[in-house]
Each structure stands twice: as C-alpha cells, then as structure tokens.
C-alpha cells in the first residue's frame, strides 16, 4: 500500500481510510507512507515549507492481515513536514523486519501485532506523540 503509485510529489493526502486488506508475499513494506518520494536522502536538514511540500495527515488503517512482507511498516515524514495523525489498528503483520517510524507526529498503533524475524519490533526516531497499545 505505497503512496508512490499515483500520488504526485506535491500531493496532500488527508482523510484516507483503509480497511480489511489481506496481503501475502509482499516484496517490500506491508504499509508504506514515505514523503521523500525518492528525491532526497533521509537525514537531510529541514527545507522551507511551500506548495510543493507533501502532506500526509489523518490516515486510518485497520483490519490489515499480512504474511511474508520484507518489512511491516515504514512511515517516513520530512523534517519540515512530519507525517501526522496516523492510526493503525486491529492488524497483524508477519514480516522479516518490524516497523520504522521517522519524522512523525501523533501516530497510534492499537492492537497491532508485528511478528518479525530480525531487528526490533518498532524503531522510532524524530517522532512525537506515539501511542503503542
């Protein structure tokens, strides 16, 4: 469920609800939201916000069942524009690697099971207001 498939680089993604998806044998991430769009490398300094700055805000995902993904979750905002108000609930993901959340604000994982074989279940950097219950 990657955003790079059809959303323009200056896109505002708000108020999206995704539910009841079953996935098997995912080569990449089961859930992806990456504001870098491949045009920058992670870790760069914050740039001025303008009309071309992408926004991901108010996205809810529930009822996801995934087996065989490379990574469970990849949420990667920009230093100047964190991914905001993301809710993932009632989901089970089995993947080689766990979840990575970077440059985000107000992320909730509720009843999310991540079965992983390498690394940590959840790696969080530059993120505020994370709830994992």
Foldseek 3Di string as FASTA:
>chain_A
DEPLPDADLLEEAAQAEAEADEEEAAAAEPEEDASCSPVDDPPDDDDDDDSSRYAAEHYEYEHYEYENHAEHEEQHHGLNYAHEQYEYEHYEYEHQYAYEHERHEQYEYYHYHYHHNDDDNYHYYNYYNYHYD
